[in-house]
Structures are given as structure tokens and as C-alpha cells.
Amino acid sequence: MLSISNAVSIPDDEIELTAIRAQGAGGQNVNKTSSAIHLRFDVVSSSLPEFYKQQLLKLNDQRISKEGVIIIKAQQHRTQEKNRDDALSRLGDMIKGAVVFEKPRRPTRPSKNARRKRTDKKKQRGRTKQLRGKVSD
């Protein structure tokens, strides 16, 4: 059972985990063991609430196929168990991140006092530079 929040969780039978051989350099261990994990999660046919499904399918993420299947490949760690935990935690983070909304930014303006201070500083800087001219006799 993958717990997303207090009310939302995903049963293990909806998540397909497959052990595959990891890519890249690594010597004998990589070449002879299937330590990488290939996770597949079908969003459309899952038991997630409809709101979660809609938000996940709206994401512009390369890990989500056109059919609505999330594919995560975990091969960072040396052991299969750590890669499995990594893949499941990445799936949980992805689902949690899909339903978090950022507060819309309200454009702000500087106050009158801040504008006045800025112009005063500019004037002072200009006066300082004026005094740097050549000395005339």
C-alpha cells in the first residue's frame, strides 16, 4: 500500500514493478544482476480520486505516456530493494506534487516613500559624480 495522504492510498496490485538490468558502467554486479526497477502505474484505471487523476493527466511530464501510464525507472542504488523504495517514493512525490497549487502572484507597486527615497538617492549620486569634474582655475 502506497500512502499518498491520510485519505488517499494506492493498493500494491495497481502498481506494476519489474526488475531489469541497470544500464551504464558498474562492473560485474550490473552485468549479472537485475537490480534496476521499472515501475508502471496506470492512472486512468487506478482507484485514485477523480481529481487526482485529472491533475496527473494535466501534467506535462515525459514520464506520463499518452495512454495515461506513469513509467518510472529507478537504477540509482546497488540493491533491488533500495531501487524499489526509490521508485515508489518518486511516484508518491509525483502524485503529491500534481495536486499542490501555488498561490497566484499579486503584482505589487513600491510605496510613495520608497519611490521618493529612490529618487533622492539618485539625485545624491548625481551630485557626487558632478563634483568629480575637472578643477577649473
N, C-alpha and C. Protein backbone atom coordinates (compact mmCIF):
# COMPACT_ATOMS: atom_id res chain seq x y z
N MET A 1 0.83 -1.18 0.00
CA MET A 1 0.00 0.00 0.00
C MET A 1 0.88 1.25 0.00
N LEU A 2 0.74 2.08 -1.02
CA LEU A 2 1.49 3.34 -1.09
C LEU A 2 0.57 4.46 -0.60
N SER A 3 0.94 5.08 0.51
CA SER A 3 0.11 6.11 1.12
C SER A 3 0.47 7.47 0.53
N ILE A 4 -0.51 8.16 -0.02
CA ILE A 4 -0.31 9.48 -0.60
C ILE A 4 -0.67 10.55 0.43
N SER A 5 -1.82 10.40 1.07
CA SER A 5 -2.25 11.30 2.14
C SER A 5 -3.04 10.47 3.14
N ASN A 6 -3.66 11.14 4.11
CA ASN A 6 -4.45 10.41 5.11
C ASN A 6 -5.61 9.66 4.48
N ALA A 7 -6.22 10.25 3.46
CA ALA A 7 -7.41 9.66 2.86
C ALA A 7 -7.12 8.90 1.57
N VAL A 8 -5.98 9.14 0.94
CA VAL A 8 -5.69 8.56 -0.37
C VAL A 8 -4.50 7.61 -0.27
N SER A 9 -4.69 6.40 -0.80
CA SER A 9 -3.59 5.44 -0.90
C SER A 9 -3.80 4.58 -2.13
N ILE A 10 -2.70 3.98 -2.59
CA ILE A 10 -2.75 3.15 -3.81
C ILE A 10 -2.46 1.71 -3.40
N PRO A 11 -3.34 0.78 -3.75
CA PRO A 11 -3.06 -0.63 -3.46
C PRO A 11 -1.88 -1.14 -4.27
N ASP A 12 -1.19 -2.13 -3.71
CA ASP A 12 0.00 -2.67 -4.37
C ASP A 12 -0.31 -3.32 -5.72
N ASP A 13 -1.51 -3.86 -5.88
CA ASP A 13 -1.82 -4.57 -7.13
C ASP A 13 -2.02 -3.62 -8.32
N GLU A 14 -2.13 -2.31 -8.06
CA GLU A 14 -2.26 -1.34 -9.16
C GLU A 14 -0.90 -0.87 -9.67
N ILE A 15 0.15 -1.15 -8.91
CA ILE A 15 1.50 -0.73 -9.29
C ILE A 15 2.25 -1.95 -9.79
N GLU A 16 2.74 -1.87 -11.01
CA GLU A 16 3.48 -2.98 -11.62
C GLU A 16 4.98 -2.70 -11.50
N LEU A 17 5.67 -3.54 -10.77
CA LEU A 17 7.12 -3.41 -10.58
C LEU A 17 7.82 -4.56 -11.27
N THR A 18 8.80 -4.24 -12.12
CA THR A 18 9.56 -5.24 -12.84
C THR A 18 11.04 -5.00 -12.61
N ALA A 19 11.77 -6.08 -12.32
CA ALA A 19 13.22 -5.96 -12.14
C ALA A 19 13.89 -6.11 -13.49
N ILE A 20 14.78 -5.18 -13.82
CA ILE A 20 15.52 -5.22 -15.08
C ILE A 20 16.99 -4.95 -14.78
N ARG A 21 17.81 -5.18 -15.76
CA ARG A 21 19.24 -4.89 -15.59
C ARG A 21 19.48 -3.40 -15.75
N ALA A 22 20.31 -2.87 -14.89
CA ALA A 22 20.64 -1.44 -14.93
C ALA A 22 21.57 -1.15 -16.09
N GLN A 23 21.52 0.08 -16.56
CA GLN A 23 22.36 0.50 -17.68
C GLN A 23 23.63 1.12 -17.16
N GLY A 24 24.60 1.29 -18.04
CA GLY A 24 25.81 2.03 -17.73
C GLY A 24 26.89 1.21 -17.08
N ALA A 25 27.93 1.92 -16.71
CA ALA A 25 29.09 1.27 -16.12
C ALA A 25 28.76 0.79 -14.72
N GLY A 26 29.49 -0.19 -14.25
CA GLY A 26 29.25 -0.68 -12.90
C GLY A 26 29.94 -1.99 -12.64
N GLY A 27 30.53 -2.56 -13.66
CA GLY A 27 31.29 -3.79 -13.45
C GLY A 27 30.44 -5.03 -13.37
N GLN A 28 30.93 -6.01 -12.67
CA GLN A 28 30.31 -7.33 -12.66
C GLN A 28 28.92 -7.33 -12.04
N ASN A 29 28.69 -6.51 -11.00
CA ASN A 29 27.40 -6.54 -10.34
C ASN A 29 26.28 -6.12 -11.29
N VAL A 30 26.51 -5.07 -12.07
CA VAL A 30 25.49 -4.59 -13.01
C VAL A 30 25.25 -5.61 -14.11
N ASN A 31 26.31 -6.25 -14.55
CA ASN A 31 26.19 -7.16 -15.68
C ASN A 31 25.47 -8.46 -15.33
N LYS A 32 25.44 -8.84 -14.06
CA LYS A 32 24.86 -10.14 -13.74
C LYS A 32 23.60 -10.08 -12.88
N THR A 33 23.24 -8.90 -12.35
CA THR A 33 22.05 -8.81 -11.50
C THR A 33 21.03 -7.87 -12.11
N SER A 34 19.78 -8.15 -11.83
CA SER A 34 18.68 -7.28 -12.26
C SER A 34 18.30 -6.41 -11.08
N SER A 35 19.06 -5.36 -10.87
CA SER A 35 18.84 -4.53 -9.69
C SER A 35 18.00 -3.29 -9.98
N ALA A 36 17.82 -2.91 -11.23
CA ALA A 36 17.02 -1.74 -11.56
C ALA A 36 15.53 -2.12 -11.51
N ILE A 37 14.70 -1.13 -11.22
CA ILE A 37 13.25 -1.35 -11.13
C ILE A 37 12.55 -0.49 -12.17
N HIS A 38 11.62 -1.12 -12.87
CA HIS A 38 10.79 -0.46 -13.86
C HIS A 38 9.38 -0.42 -13.30
N LEU A 39 8.88 0.77 -12.93
CA LEU A 39 7.57 0.92 -12.31
C LEU A 39 6.58 1.42 -13.35
N ARG A 40 5.42 0.79 -13.42
CA ARG A 40 4.34 1.22 -14.31
C ARG A 40 3.08 1.39 -13.47
N PHE A 41 2.43 2.55 -13.63
CA PHE A 41 1.20 2.84 -12.90
C PHE A 41 0.20 3.45 -13.86
N ASP A 42 -0.93 2.76 -14.06
CA ASP A 42 -1.97 3.24 -14.97
C ASP A 42 -2.89 4.19 -14.21
N VAL A 43 -2.80 5.46 -14.54
CA VAL A 43 -3.58 6.48 -13.84
C VAL A 43 -5.06 6.34 -14.13
N VAL A 44 -5.40 6.07 -15.39
CA VAL A 44 -6.80 6.06 -15.81
C VAL A 44 -7.59 4.96 -15.10
N SER A 45 -7.03 3.76 -15.00
CA SER A 45 -7.77 2.65 -14.39
C SER A 45 -7.44 2.45 -12.92
N SER A 46 -6.84 3.44 -12.28
CA SER A 46 -6.47 3.30 -10.87
C SER A 46 -7.65 3.67 -9.97
N SER A 47 -7.46 3.44 -8.68
CA SER A 47 -8.51 3.75 -7.70
C SER A 47 -8.32 5.14 -7.10
N LEU A 48 -7.48 5.95 -7.70
CA LEU A 48 -7.29 7.32 -7.22
C LEU A 48 -8.57 8.12 -7.40
N PRO A 49 -8.81 9.12 -6.56
CA PRO A 49 -9.96 10.00 -6.76
C PRO A 49 -9.85 10.72 -8.11
N GLU A 50 -11.00 11.08 -8.66
CA GLU A 50 -11.05 11.68 -9.99
C GLU A 50 -10.22 12.96 -10.08
N PHE A 51 -10.21 13.74 -9.02
CA PHE A 51 -9.44 14.99 -9.01
C PHE A 51 -7.95 14.71 -9.19
N TYR A 52 -7.44 13.70 -8.50
CA TYR A 52 -6.03 13.32 -8.61
C TYR A 52 -5.72 12.88 -10.05
N LYS A 53 -6.61 12.08 -10.62
CA LYS A 53 -6.39 11.60 -11.99
C LYS A 53 -6.30 12.76 -12.97
N GLN A 54 -7.24 13.70 -12.85
CA GLN A 54 -7.25 14.84 -13.78
C GLN A 54 -5.98 15.67 -13.65
N GLN A 55 -5.56 15.93 -12.42
CA GLN A 55 -4.37 16.73 -12.21
C GLN A 55 -3.12 16.02 -12.72
N LEU A 56 -3.04 14.71 -12.54
CA LEU A 56 -1.88 13.95 -13.03
C LEU A 56 -1.82 13.96 -14.55
N LEU A 57 -2.98 13.78 -15.19
CA LEU A 57 -3.00 13.73 -16.65
C LEU A 57 -2.76 15.10 -17.27
N LYS A 58 -3.00 16.18 -16.50
CA LYS A 58 -2.72 17.53 -16.99
C LYS A 58 -1.23 17.83 -17.01
N LEU A 59 -0.45 17.12 -16.19
CA LEU A 59 0.99 17.39 -16.09
C LEU A 59 1.67 17.21 -17.44
N ASN A 60 2.61 18.10 -17.71
CA ASN A 60 3.41 17.98 -18.92
C ASN A 60 4.73 17.31 -18.52
N ASP A 61 4.66 16.00 -18.33
CA ASP A 61 5.80 15.24 -17.83
C ASP A 61 6.09 14.11 -18.80
N GLN A 62 7.37 13.92 -19.13
CA GLN A 62 7.73 12.88 -20.10
C GLN A 62 7.56 11.49 -19.54
N ARG A 63 7.39 11.36 -18.22
CA ARG A 63 7.21 10.04 -17.62
C ARG A 63 5.77 9.54 -17.76
N ILE A 64 4.85 10.40 -18.21
CA ILE A 64 3.46 10.00 -18.39
C ILE A 64 3.22 9.81 -19.89
N SER A 65 2.79 8.60 -20.27
CA SER A 65 2.54 8.31 -21.69
C SER A 65 1.20 8.89 -22.11
N LYS A 66 0.92 8.84 -23.41
CA LYS A 66 -0.34 9.36 -23.93
C LYS A 66 -1.54 8.57 -23.42
N GLU A 67 -1.31 7.30 -23.09
CA GLU A 67 -2.39 6.44 -22.59
C GLU A 67 -2.66 6.67 -21.10
N GLY A 68 -1.85 7.50 -20.45
CA GLY A 68 -2.03 7.79 -19.04
C GLY A 68 -1.32 6.81 -18.13
N VAL A 69 -0.20 6.27 -18.58
CA VAL A 69 0.58 5.34 -17.77
C VAL A 69 1.86 6.04 -17.32
N ILE A 70 2.09 6.05 -16.02
CA ILE A 70 3.31 6.63 -15.47
C ILE A 70 4.39 5.56 -15.48
N ILE A 71 5.54 5.87 -16.07
CA ILE A 71 6.65 4.92 -16.16
C ILE A 71 7.85 5.55 -15.46
N ILE A 72 8.33 4.88 -14.42
CA ILE A 72 9.48 5.37 -13.66
C ILE A 72 10.53 4.27 -13.64
N LYS A 73 11.77 4.64 -13.97
CA LYS A 73 12.87 3.69 -13.94
C LYS A 73 13.84 4.11 -12.85
N ALA A 74 14.07 3.21 -11.89
CA ALA A 74 14.96 3.51 -10.77
C ALA A 74 16.17 2.59 -10.83
N GLN A 75 17.35 3.17 -10.97
CA GLN A 75 18.58 2.37 -11.07
C GLN A 75 19.74 3.05 -10.35
N GLN A 76 19.43 3.92 -9.41
CA GLN A 76 20.46 4.66 -8.71
C GLN A 76 21.25 3.80 -7.73
N HIS A 77 20.56 2.89 -7.09
CA HIS A 77 21.17 2.14 -6.00
C HIS A 77 21.65 0.77 -6.46
N ARG A 78 22.44 0.14 -5.62
CA ARG A 78 23.05 -1.14 -5.95
C ARG A 78 22.08 -2.31 -5.73
N THR A 79 21.15 -2.15 -4.80
CA THR A 79 20.24 -3.25 -4.49
C THR A 79 18.85 -3.00 -5.05
N GLN A 80 18.15 -4.08 -5.31
CA GLN A 80 16.81 -4.02 -5.86
C GLN A 80 15.83 -3.39 -4.87
N GLU A 81 16.00 -3.69 -3.59
CA GLU A 81 15.08 -3.17 -2.58
C GLU A 81 15.15 -1.65 -2.49
N LYS A 82 16.36 -1.10 -2.52
CA LYS A 82 16.51 0.36 -2.45
C LYS A 82 15.95 1.02 -3.71
N ASN A 83 16.16 0.38 -4.86
CA ASN A 83 15.60 0.92 -6.10
C ASN A 83 14.08 0.86 -6.09
N ARG A 84 13.51 -0.18 -5.50
CA ARG A 84 12.06 -0.30 -5.39
C ARG A 84 11.52 0.82 -4.51
N ASP A 85 12.15 1.04 -3.38
CA ASP A 85 11.72 2.11 -2.48
C ASP A 85 11.86 3.47 -3.15
N ASP A 86 12.93 3.65 -3.90
CA ASP A 86 13.16 4.91 -4.62
C ASP A 86 12.07 5.15 -5.65
N ALA A 87 11.72 4.12 -6.41
CA ALA A 87 10.69 4.26 -7.45
C ALA A 87 9.34 4.58 -6.82
N LEU A 88 9.00 3.90 -5.73
CA LEU A 88 7.72 4.15 -5.06
C LEU A 88 7.67 5.55 -4.46
N SER A 89 8.77 5.99 -3.88
CA SER A 89 8.77 7.34 -3.30
C SER A 89 8.69 8.40 -4.40
N ARG A 90 9.32 8.16 -5.55
CA ARG A 90 9.22 9.11 -6.66
C ARG A 90 7.80 9.17 -7.21
N LEU A 91 7.11 8.02 -7.25
CA LEU A 91 5.71 8.01 -7.69
C LEU A 91 4.86 8.79 -6.70
N GLY A 92 5.08 8.57 -5.41
CA GLY A 92 4.32 9.31 -4.39
C GLY A 92 4.56 10.80 -4.47
N ASP A 93 5.82 11.21 -4.67
CA ASP A 93 6.14 12.63 -4.79
C ASP A 93 5.49 13.24 -6.02
N MET A 94 5.45 12.47 -7.10
CA MET A 94 4.85 12.97 -8.34
C MET A 94 3.34 13.20 -8.15
N ILE A 95 2.68 12.27 -7.48
CA ILE A 95 1.25 12.40 -7.27
C ILE A 95 0.95 13.54 -6.30
N LYS A 96 1.75 13.65 -5.24
CA LYS A 96 1.55 14.75 -4.29
C LYS A 96 1.80 16.10 -4.94
N GLY A 97 2.81 16.17 -5.80
CA GLY A 97 3.14 17.43 -6.46
C GLY A 97 2.09 17.86 -7.47
N ALA A 98 1.33 16.89 -8.00
CA ALA A 98 0.34 17.23 -9.02
C ALA A 98 -0.86 17.95 -8.42
N VAL A 99 -1.14 17.71 -7.15
CA VAL A 99 -2.33 18.30 -6.55
C VAL A 99 -2.03 19.53 -5.70
N VAL A 100 -0.78 19.97 -5.66
CA VAL A 100 -0.42 21.17 -4.91
C VAL A 100 -0.52 22.37 -5.84
N PHE A 101 -1.24 23.39 -5.39
CA PHE A 101 -1.40 24.59 -6.20
C PHE A 101 -0.60 25.72 -5.58
N GLU A 102 0.07 26.48 -6.43
CA GLU A 102 0.79 27.66 -5.95
C GLU A 102 -0.18 28.83 -5.87
N LYS A 103 0.02 29.65 -4.87
CA LYS A 103 -0.81 30.82 -4.72
C LYS A 103 -0.51 31.78 -5.87
N PRO A 104 -1.53 32.34 -6.52
CA PRO A 104 -1.25 33.26 -7.63
C PRO A 104 -0.55 34.53 -7.12
N ARG A 105 0.39 34.99 -7.90
CA ARG A 105 1.16 36.16 -7.51
C ARG A 105 0.35 37.42 -7.77
N ARG A 106 0.31 38.27 -6.76
CA ARG A 106 -0.35 39.56 -6.93
C ARG A 106 0.72 40.60 -7.21
N PRO A 107 0.60 41.30 -8.32
CA PRO A 107 1.62 42.32 -8.62
C PRO A 107 1.55 43.45 -7.59
N THR A 108 2.71 43.88 -7.15
CA THR A 108 2.78 44.94 -6.15
C THR A 108 3.51 46.15 -6.73
N ARG A 109 3.29 47.30 -6.10
CA ARG A 109 3.97 48.53 -6.52
C ARG A 109 4.72 49.08 -5.34
N PRO A 110 5.85 49.75 -5.59
CA PRO A 110 6.56 50.36 -4.48
C PRO A 110 5.74 51.52 -3.88
N SER A 111 5.90 51.72 -2.60
CA SER A 111 5.16 52.79 -1.93
C SER A 111 5.71 54.16 -2.34
N LYS A 112 4.94 55.20 -2.01
CA LYS A 112 5.39 56.57 -2.34
C LYS A 112 6.71 56.89 -1.66
N ASN A 113 6.82 56.46 -0.39
CA ASN A 113 8.04 56.72 0.36
C ASN A 113 9.24 56.02 -0.28
N ALA A 114 9.05 54.78 -0.74
CA ALA A 114 10.14 54.03 -1.38
C ALA A 114 10.56 54.71 -2.68
N ARG A 115 9.56 55.20 -3.45
CA ARG A 115 9.89 55.90 -4.71
C ARG A 115 10.64 57.20 -4.43
N ARG A 116 10.21 57.93 -3.39
CA ARG A 116 10.87 59.19 -3.04
C ARG A 116 12.31 58.93 -2.60
N LYS A 117 12.52 57.89 -1.77
CA LYS A 117 13.88 57.57 -1.33
C LYS A 117 14.77 57.21 -2.51
N ARG A 118 14.21 56.48 -3.47
CA ARG A 118 14.99 56.07 -4.64
C ARG A 118 15.43 57.28 -5.45
N THR A 119 14.52 58.22 -5.69
CA THR A 119 14.90 59.42 -6.47
C THR A 119 15.89 60.29 -5.69
N ASP A 120 15.73 60.36 -4.36
CA ASP A 120 16.69 61.14 -3.55
C ASP A 120 18.09 60.54 -3.66
N LYS A 121 18.17 59.22 -3.61
CA LYS A 121 19.48 58.56 -3.72
C LYS A 121 20.09 58.80 -5.10
N LYS A 122 19.23 58.78 -6.13
CA LYS A 122 19.74 59.03 -7.48
C LYS A 122 20.27 60.46 -7.61
N LYS A 123 19.54 61.40 -7.02
CA LYS A 123 19.99 62.80 -7.07
C LYS A 123 21.30 62.98 -6.33
N GLN A 124 21.40 62.36 -5.16
CA GLN A 124 22.62 62.45 -4.37
C GLN A 124 23.80 61.85 -5.13
N ARG A 125 23.57 60.73 -5.78
CA ARG A 125 24.63 60.08 -6.56
C ARG A 125 25.05 60.97 -7.73
N GLY A 126 24.08 61.62 -8.37
CA GLY A 126 24.38 62.55 -9.46
C GLY A 126 25.22 63.72 -8.99
N ARG A 127 24.88 64.28 -7.81
CA ARG A 127 25.65 65.40 -7.27
C ARG A 127 27.09 64.97 -6.97
N THR A 128 27.25 63.76 -6.42
CA THR A 128 28.58 63.24 -6.13
C THR A 128 29.40 63.13 -7.41
N LYS A 129 28.79 62.67 -8.45
CA LYS A 129 29.52 62.50 -9.72
C LYS A 129 29.85 63.85 -10.35
N GLN A 130 28.96 64.83 -10.14
CA GLN A 130 29.21 66.17 -10.70
C GLN A 130 30.46 66.78 -10.09
N LEU A 131 30.69 66.50 -8.84
CA LEU A 131 31.84 67.07 -8.15
C LEU A 131 33.15 66.45 -8.60
N ARG A 132 33.09 65.38 -9.39
CA ARG A 132 34.30 64.71 -9.84
C ARG A 132 34.88 65.35 -11.10
N GLY A 133 34.28 66.39 -11.59
CA GLY A 133 34.75 67.02 -12.83
C GLY A 133 36.13 67.65 -12.64
N LYS A 134 36.67 68.19 -13.76
CA LYS A 134 37.97 68.84 -13.70
C LYS A 134 37.88 70.13 -12.91
N VAL A 135 38.96 70.43 -12.22
CA VAL A 135 39.02 71.65 -11.42
C VAL A 135 39.42 72.78 -12.36
N SER A 136 38.65 73.85 -12.38
CA SER A 136 38.99 74.98 -13.24
C SER A 136 39.53 76.12 -12.38
N ASP A 137 40.53 76.84 -12.89
CA ASP A 137 41.15 77.93 -12.11
C ASP A 137 40.46 79.23 -12.32
